[in-house]
Amino acid sequence: FYALFGLNGLLVFHVLMMVSFLFFAWKVASRFAPPAVAAAATLLMAAQPIVSGDIYAYNNDVFYSAFLMAGAWAFYSDRLRWSGLLFGIAVWAKLTNVLFVLPFGVAILWRWDLTVLKRALIPFMLPIGVFLLSNLWLYGSPTTTSYDTILVRESGQLTTESVKQRFSEPMKDGLKRVLSHERQGLTKTAPLLLLTILCLP
């Protein structure tokens, strides 16, 4: 998209990923509720500032969220090869997405069927393999990622740092900031999350 349309192409791609994310969120919700109810829930989610306020931007979170939702829909539709591939791409995009994928992996293991496991695991490992090889080629180690080599300027000089250096905030303070920050806290940008705390659908 960037090669074809320049910076505007990034915006077009971002909007397409946002639409895909919401579409597959509706498809997943439709597995558990009537389509009209699922559509209403999806629209309510889309109206949250964390979603609607991020349309005119370019955000990696939207990119991988589209793949996570598509992977979840493929899983519930018993399209395990597609599910594995989509989940693998999402984990490639951000390693912490493995926490979202993990319960689906446990559900597959619970079936205790090697054929089913291979059907999902082999496609999942394809993008993970590309991820590891690209790290090896770019950074000299399969376990060194772009998050370990962020370009920064210190004292007027360009250097690199790892995102791990930024994880020095006490968990209590970090959770407070994530939940109640004046502009970016989830209670402000995604108040519907309070329903999940109350265990409401």
C-alpha atoms as a PDB file:
ATOM      1  CA  PHE A   1       0.000   0.000   0.000  1.00  0.00           C
ATOM      2  CA  TYR A   2       2.861   2.381   0.766  1.00  0.00           C
ATOM      3  CA  ALA A   3       4.582   1.511  -2.519  1.00  0.00           C
ATOM      4  CA  LEU A   4       1.369   2.149  -4.454  1.00  0.00           C
ATOM      5  CA  PHE A   5      -0.088   5.168  -2.653  1.00  0.00           C
ATOM      6  CA  GLY A   6       2.628   6.586  -0.404  1.00  0.00           C
ATOM      7  CA  LEU A   7       1.665   7.790   3.076  1.00  0.00           C
ATOM      8  CA  ASN A   8      -2.030   7.819   2.133  1.00  0.00           C
ATOM      9  CA  GLY A   9      -1.666   4.120   1.376  1.00  0.00           C
ATOM     10  CA  LEU A  10      -0.759   3.496   5.015  1.00  0.00           C
ATOM     11  CA  LEU A  11      -4.004   5.179   6.073  1.00  0.00           C
ATOM     12  CA  VAL A  12      -6.019   3.121   3.569  1.00  0.00           C
ATOM     13  CA  PHE A  13      -4.366  -0.068   4.818  1.00  0.00           C
ATOM     14  CA  HIS A  14      -5.072   0.915   8.419  1.00  0.00           C
ATOM     15  CA  VAL A  15      -8.762   1.514   7.694  1.00  0.00           C
ATOM     16  CA  LEU A  16      -8.995  -1.852   5.911  1.00  0.00           C
ATOM     17  CA  MET A  17      -7.436  -3.574   8.927  1.00  0.00           C
ATOM     18  CA  MET A  18      -9.884  -1.769  11.249  1.00  0.00           C
ATOM     19  CA  VAL A  19     -12.849  -2.867   9.122  1.00  0.00           C
ATOM     20  CA  SER A  20     -11.486  -6.439   9.031  1.00  0.00           C
ATOM     21  CA  PHE A  21     -11.043  -6.444  12.799  1.00  0.00           C
ATOM     22  CA  LEU A  22     -14.635  -5.332  13.390  1.00  0.00           C
ATOM     23  CA  PHE A  23     -16.021  -7.716  10.760  1.00  0.00           C
ATOM     24  CA  PHE A  24     -14.358 -10.755  12.303  1.00  0.00           C
ATOM     25  CA  ALA A  25     -15.259  -9.561  15.795  1.00  0.00           C
ATOM     26  CA  TRP A  26     -18.883  -9.631  14.618  1.00  0.00           C
ATOM     27  CA  LYS A  27     -18.378 -13.086  13.080  1.00  0.00           C
ATOM     28  CA  VAL A  28     -16.973 -14.408  16.366  1.00  0.00           C
ATOM     29  CA  ALA A  29     -19.765 -12.786  18.403  1.00  0.00           C
ATOM     30  CA  SER A  30     -22.311 -14.341  16.025  1.00  0.00           C
ATOM     31  CA  ARG A  31     -21.138 -17.765  17.150  1.00  0.00           C
ATOM     32  CA  PHE A  32     -22.532 -17.042  20.606  1.00  0.00           C
ATOM     33  CA  ALA A  33     -25.442 -14.672  19.973  1.00  0.00           C
ATOM     34  CA  PRO A  34     -28.001 -13.906  17.238  1.00  0.00           C
ATOM     35  CA  PRO A  35     -26.440 -11.889  14.369  1.00  0.00           C
ATOM     36  CA  ALA A  36     -28.401  -8.729  15.242  1.00  0.00           C
ATOM     37  CA  VAL A  37     -27.298  -8.866  18.866  1.00  0.00           C
ATOM     38  CA  ALA A  38     -23.717  -9.578  17.772  1.00  0.00           C
ATOM     39  CA  ALA A  39     -23.863  -6.597  15.393  1.00  0.00           C
ATOM     40  CA  ALA A  40     -25.108  -4.315  18.178  1.00  0.00           C
ATOM     41  CA  ALA A  41     -22.320  -5.489  20.484  1.00  0.00           C
ATOM     42  CA  THR A  42     -19.745  -4.944  17.728  1.00  0.00           C
ATOM     43  CA  LEU A  43     -21.029  -1.430  17.042  1.00  0.00           C
ATOM     44  CA  LEU A  44     -20.852  -0.633  20.757  1.00  0.00           C
ATOM     45  CA  MET A  45     -17.259  -1.838  20.777  1.00  0.00           C
ATOM     46  CA  ALA A  46     -16.466   0.200  17.661  1.00  0.00           C
ATOM     47  CA  ALA A  47     -17.877   3.310  19.353  1.00  0.00           C
ATOM     48  CA  GLN A  48     -15.374   3.033  22.186  1.00  0.00           C
ATOM     49  CA  PRO A  49     -12.788   5.849  21.972  1.00  0.00           C
ATOM     50  CA  ILE A  50      -9.960   3.296  21.943  1.00  0.00           C
ATOM     51  CA  VAL A  51     -11.322   2.110  18.569  1.00  0.00           C
ATOM     52  CA  SER A  52     -13.091   5.087  16.995  1.00  0.00           C
ATOM     53  CA  GLY A  53     -10.360   7.498  18.062  1.00  0.00           C
ATOM     54  CA  ASP A  54      -7.716   5.426  16.317  1.00  0.00           C
ATOM     55  CA  ILE A  55      -9.176   5.284  12.810  1.00  0.00           C
ATOM     56  CA  TYR A  56      -7.233   8.243  11.400  1.00  0.00           C
ATOM     57  CA  ALA A  57      -3.822   6.835  12.309  1.00  0.00           C
ATOM     58  CA  TYR A  58      -1.493   3.935  11.668  1.00  0.00           C
ATOM     59  CA  ASN A  59      -1.296   1.526  14.557  1.00  0.00           C
ATOM     60  CA  ASN A  60       0.278  -1.919  14.688  1.00  0.00           C
ATOM     61  CA  ASP A  61      -2.275  -2.888  17.342  1.00  0.00           C
ATOM     62  CA  VAL A  62      -5.072  -2.689  14.758  1.00  0.00           C
ATOM     63  CA  PHE A  63      -3.031  -4.732  12.260  1.00  0.00           C
ATOM     64  CA  TYR A  64      -2.453  -7.697  14.545  1.00  0.00           C
ATOM     65  CA  SER A  65      -5.915  -7.427  16.145  1.00  0.00           C
ATOM     66  CA  ALA A  66      -7.438  -8.081  12.729  1.00  0.00           C
ATOM     67  CA  PHE A  67      -5.384 -11.280  12.449  1.00  0.00           C
ATOM     68  CA  LEU A  68      -6.279 -12.339  15.994  1.00  0.00           C
ATOM     69  CA  MET A  69     -10.012 -11.925  15.342  1.00  0.00           C
ATOM     70  CA  ALA A  70      -9.754 -13.670  11.971  1.00  0.00           C
ATOM     71  CA  GLY A  71      -7.812 -16.495  13.632  1.00  0.00           C
ATOM     72  CA  ALA A  72     -10.442 -16.836  16.358  1.00  0.00           C
ATOM     73  CA  TRP A  73     -13.232 -16.961  13.761  1.00  0.00           C
ATOM     74  CA  ALA A  74     -11.330 -19.612  11.772  1.00  0.00           C
ATOM     75  CA  PHE A  75     -10.842 -21.628  14.959  1.00  0.00           C
ATOM     76  CA  TYR A  76     -14.536 -21.567  15.865  1.00  0.00           C
ATOM     77  CA  SER A  77     -15.361 -22.446  12.244  1.00  0.00           C
ATOM     78  CA  ASP A  78     -13.023 -25.473  12.489  1.00  0.00           C
ATOM     79  CA  ARG A  79     -10.717 -24.025   9.828  1.00  0.00           C
ATOM     80  CA  LEU A  80      -7.676 -24.963  11.868  1.00  0.00           C
ATOM     81  CA  ARG A  81      -5.082 -24.520   9.124  1.00  0.00           C
ATOM     82  CA  TRP A  82      -6.227 -20.944   8.541  1.00  0.00           C
ATOM     83  CA  SER A  83      -6.499 -20.378  12.272  1.00  0.00           C
ATOM     84  CA  GLY A  84      -2.942 -21.535  12.862  1.00  0.00           C
ATOM     85  CA  LEU A  85      -1.590 -19.383  10.027  1.00  0.00           C
ATOM     86  CA  LEU A  86      -3.457 -16.249  11.115  1.00  0.00           C
ATOM     87  CA  PHE A  87      -2.495 -16.689  14.752  1.00  0.00           C
ATOM     88  CA  GLY A  88       1.120 -17.236  13.692  1.00  0.00           C
ATOM     89  CA  ILE A  89       1.151 -13.954  11.756  1.00  0.00           C
ATOM     90  CA  ALA A  90      -0.345 -12.155  14.777  1.00  0.00           C
ATOM     91  CA  VAL A  91       2.371 -13.533  17.071  1.00  0.00           C
ATOM     92  CA  TRP A  92       4.987 -12.530  14.486  1.00  0.00           C
ATOM     93  CA  ALA A  93       3.569  -8.995  14.592  1.00  0.00           C
ATOM     94  CA  LYS A  94       3.779  -8.892  18.409  1.00  0.00           C
ATOM     95  CA  LEU A  95       5.150 -11.667  20.585  1.00  0.00           C
ATOM     96  CA  THR A  96       2.864 -10.949  23.523  1.00  0.00           C
ATOM     97  CA  ASN A  97      -0.086 -12.044  21.350  1.00  0.00           C
ATOM     98  CA  VAL A  98       0.912 -15.572  22.277  1.00  0.00           C
ATOM     99  CA  LEU A  99      -1.068 -14.951  25.486  1.00  0.00           C
ATOM    100  CA  PHE A 100      -4.231 -14.509  23.389  1.00  0.00           C
ATOM    101  CA  VAL A 101      -3.436 -17.571  21.265  1.00  0.00           C
ATOM    102  CA  LEU A 102      -2.539 -19.810  24.201  1.00  0.00           C
ATOM    103  CA  PRO A 103      -6.118 -20.749  25.268  1.00  0.00           C
ATOM    104  CA  PHE A 104      -6.891 -21.819  21.686  1.00  0.00           C
ATOM    105  CA  GLY A 105      -3.773 -23.988  21.719  1.00  0.00           C
ATOM    106  CA  VAL A 106      -4.867 -25.558  25.004  1.00  0.00           C
ATOM    107  CA  ALA A 107      -8.298 -26.270  23.491  1.00  0.00           C
ATOM    108  CA  ILE A 108      -6.632 -28.101  20.594  1.00  0.00           C
ATOM    109  CA  LEU A 109      -4.393 -30.090  22.930  1.00  0.00           C
ATOM    110  CA  TRP A 110      -7.495 -30.991  24.968  1.00  0.00           C
ATOM    111  CA  ARG A 111      -8.867 -32.853  21.941  1.00  0.00           C
ATOM    112  CA  TRP A 112      -5.930 -35.257  22.257  1.00  0.00           C
ATOM    113  CA  ASP A 113      -5.814 -35.780  18.486  1.00  0.00           C
ATOM    114  CA  LEU A 114      -2.393 -35.650  16.783  1.00  0.00           C
ATOM    115  CA  THR A 115      -3.927 -35.070  13.344  1.00  0.00           C
ATOM    116  CA  VAL A 116      -5.850 -32.030  14.586  1.00  0.00           C
ATOM    117  CA  LEU A 117      -2.737 -30.743  16.366  1.00  0.00           C
ATOM    118  CA  LYS A 118      -0.608 -30.982  13.219  1.00  0.00           C
ATOM    119  CA  ARG A 119      -3.334 -29.325  11.172  1.00  0.00           C
ATOM    120  CA  ALA A 120      -3.109 -26.223  13.350  1.00  0.00           C
ATOM    121  CA  LEU A 121       0.524 -26.285  14.480  1.00  0.00           C
ATOM    122  CA  ILE A 122       2.291 -26.592  11.116  1.00  0.00           C
ATOM    123  CA  PRO A 123       0.651 -23.471   9.594  1.00  0.00           C
ATOM    124  CA  PHE A 124       1.235 -21.633  12.891  1.00  0.00           C
ATOM    125  CA  MET A 125       4.951 -22.402  12.774  1.00  0.00           C
ATOM    126  CA  LEU A 126       5.391 -21.146   9.193  1.00  0.00           C
ATOM    127  CA  PRO A 127       5.258 -17.399  10.024  1.00  0.00           C
ATOM    128  CA  ILE A 128       7.081 -18.055  13.306  1.00  0.00           C
ATOM    129  CA  GLY A 129       9.877 -19.698  11.295  1.00  0.00           C
ATOM    130  CA  VAL A 130      10.047 -16.706   8.945  1.00  0.00           C
ATOM    131  CA  PHE A 131      10.114 -14.436  11.998  1.00  0.00           C
ATOM    132  CA  LEU A 132      13.063 -16.288  13.544  1.00  0.00           C
ATOM    133  CA  LEU A 133      14.990 -16.416  10.250  1.00  0.00           C
ATOM    134  CA  SER A 134      14.448 -12.718   9.584  1.00  0.00           C
ATOM    135  CA  ASN A 135      15.736 -11.916  13.077  1.00  0.00           C
ATOM    136  CA  LEU A 136      18.803 -14.037  12.399  1.00  0.00           C
ATOM    137  CA  TRP A 137      19.423 -12.250   9.099  1.00  0.00           C
ATOM    138  CA  LEU A 138      18.789  -8.721  10.396  1.00  0.00           C
ATOM    139  CA  TYR A 139      20.176  -8.900  13.931  1.00  0.00           C
ATOM    140  CA  GLY A 140      22.418 -11.957  14.045  1.00  0.00           C
ATOM    141  CA  SER A 141      20.239 -13.986  16.412  1.00  0.00           C
ATOM    142  CA  PRO A 142      16.761 -15.537  16.009  1.00  0.00           C
ATOM    143  CA  THR A 143      15.803 -14.294  19.475  1.00  0.00           C
ATOM    144  CA  THR A 144      16.865 -10.661  18.870  1.00  0.00           C
ATOM    145  CA  THR A 145      13.933  -8.653  17.532  1.00  0.00           C
ATOM    146  CA  SER A 146      13.287  -5.104  16.397  1.00  0.00           C
ATOM    147  CA  TYR A 147      12.072  -4.396  19.934  1.00  0.00           C
ATOM    148  CA  ASP A 148      15.677  -5.003  21.079  1.00  0.00           C
ATOM    149  CA  THR A 149      17.161  -2.567  18.560  1.00  0.00           C
ATOM    150  CA  ILE A 150      15.083   0.621  18.770  1.00  0.00           C
ATOM    151  CA  LEU A 151      16.870   3.598  17.207  1.00  0.00           C
ATOM    152  CA  VAL A 152      17.139   6.496  19.684  1.00  0.00           C
ATOM    153  CA  ARG A 153      19.184   9.667  20.057  1.00  0.00           C
ATOM    154  CA  GLU A 154      21.173  10.174  23.246  1.00  0.00           C
ATOM    155  CA  SER A 155      23.357  13.264  23.804  1.00  0.00           C
ATOM    156  CA  GLY A 156      23.067  14.055  20.115  1.00  0.00           C
ATOM    157  CA  GLN A 157      24.264  10.609  19.052  1.00  0.00           C
ATOM    158  CA  LEU A 158      22.247   7.870  17.388  1.00  0.00           C
ATOM    159  CA  THR A 159      22.236   4.587  19.272  1.00  0.00           C
ATOM    160  CA  THR A 160      19.922   1.653  19.949  1.00  0.00           C
ATOM    161  CA  GLU A 161      18.140   0.457  23.050  1.00  0.00           C
ATOM    162  CA  SER A 162      15.923  -2.460  23.973  1.00  0.00           C
ATOM    163  CA  VAL A 163      12.274  -1.972  24.854  1.00  0.00           C
ATOM    164  CA  LYS A 164      13.013  -4.207  27.839  1.00  0.00           C
ATOM    165  CA  GLN A 165      14.808  -1.245  29.413  1.00  0.00           C
ATOM    166  CA  ARG A 166      11.476   0.561  29.574  1.00  0.00           C
ATOM    167  CA  PHE A 167       9.860  -2.168  31.706  1.00  0.00           C
ATOM    168  CA  SER A 168      11.188  -0.764  34.954  1.00  0.00           C
ATOM    169  CA  GLU A 169       7.946   0.706  36.306  1.00  0.00           C
ATOM    170  CA  PRO A 170       6.434  -1.091  39.327  1.00  0.00           C
ATOM    171  CA  MET A 171       3.452  -3.209  38.263  1.00  0.00           C
ATOM    172  CA  LYS A 172       1.103  -1.382  40.625  1.00  0.00           C
ATOM    173  CA  ASP A 173       1.940   2.003  39.069  1.00  0.00           C
ATOM    174  CA  GLY A 174       1.764   0.573  35.568  1.00  0.00           C
ATOM    175  CA  LEU A 175      -1.694  -0.920  36.088  1.00  0.00           C
ATOM    176  CA  LYS A 176      -2.914   2.342  37.585  1.00  0.00           C
ATOM    177  CA  ARG A 177      -1.659   4.254  34.541  1.00  0.00           C
ATOM    178  CA  VAL A 178      -3.164   1.762  32.065  1.00  0.00           C
ATOM    179  CA  LEU A 179      -6.548   1.865  33.776  1.00  0.00           C
ATOM    180  CA  SER A 180      -6.918   5.463  34.943  1.00  0.00           C
ATOM    181  CA  HIS A 181      -4.573   7.676  32.905  1.00  0.00           C
ATOM    182  CA  GLU A 182      -6.265  11.024  32.221  1.00  0.00           C
ATOM    183  CA  ARG A 183      -6.172  10.639  28.418  1.00  0.00           C
ATOM    184  CA  GLN A 184      -5.187   7.037  27.662  1.00  0.00           C
ATOM    185  CA  GLY A 185      -6.556   5.023  30.574  1.00  0.00           C
ATOM    186  CA  LEU A 186      -8.885   2.176  29.668  1.00  0.00           C
ATOM    187  CA  THR A 187     -11.637   3.473  31.947  1.00  0.00           C
ATOM    188  CA  LYS A 188     -11.678   6.568  29.711  1.00  0.00           C
ATOM    189  CA  THR A 189     -11.067   5.004  26.301  1.00  0.00           C
ATOM    190  CA  ALA A 190     -12.835   1.640  26.743  1.00  0.00           C
ATOM    191  CA  PRO A 191     -15.425   1.904  29.545  1.00  0.00           C
ATOM    192  CA  LEU A 192     -17.189  -1.252  28.329  1.00  0.00           C
ATOM    193  CA  LEU A 193     -14.290  -3.190  29.809  1.00  0.00           C
ATOM    194  CA  LEU A 194     -15.954  -2.605  33.169  1.00  0.00           C
ATOM    195  CA  LEU A 195     -18.649  -5.061  32.046  1.00  0.00           C
ATOM    196  CA  THR A 196     -16.021  -7.790  31.676  1.00  0.00           C
ATOM    197  CA  ILE A 197     -14.840  -7.138  35.230  1.00  0.00           C
ATOM    198  CA  LEU A 198     -18.439  -7.713  36.326  1.00  0.00           C
ATOM    199  CA  CYS A 199     -18.439 -10.919  34.225  1.00  0.00           C
ATOM    200  CA  LEU A 200     -21.192  -9.551  31.987  1.00  0.00           C
ATOM    201  CA  PRO A 201     -21.178 -10.405  28.242  1.00  0.00           C
END
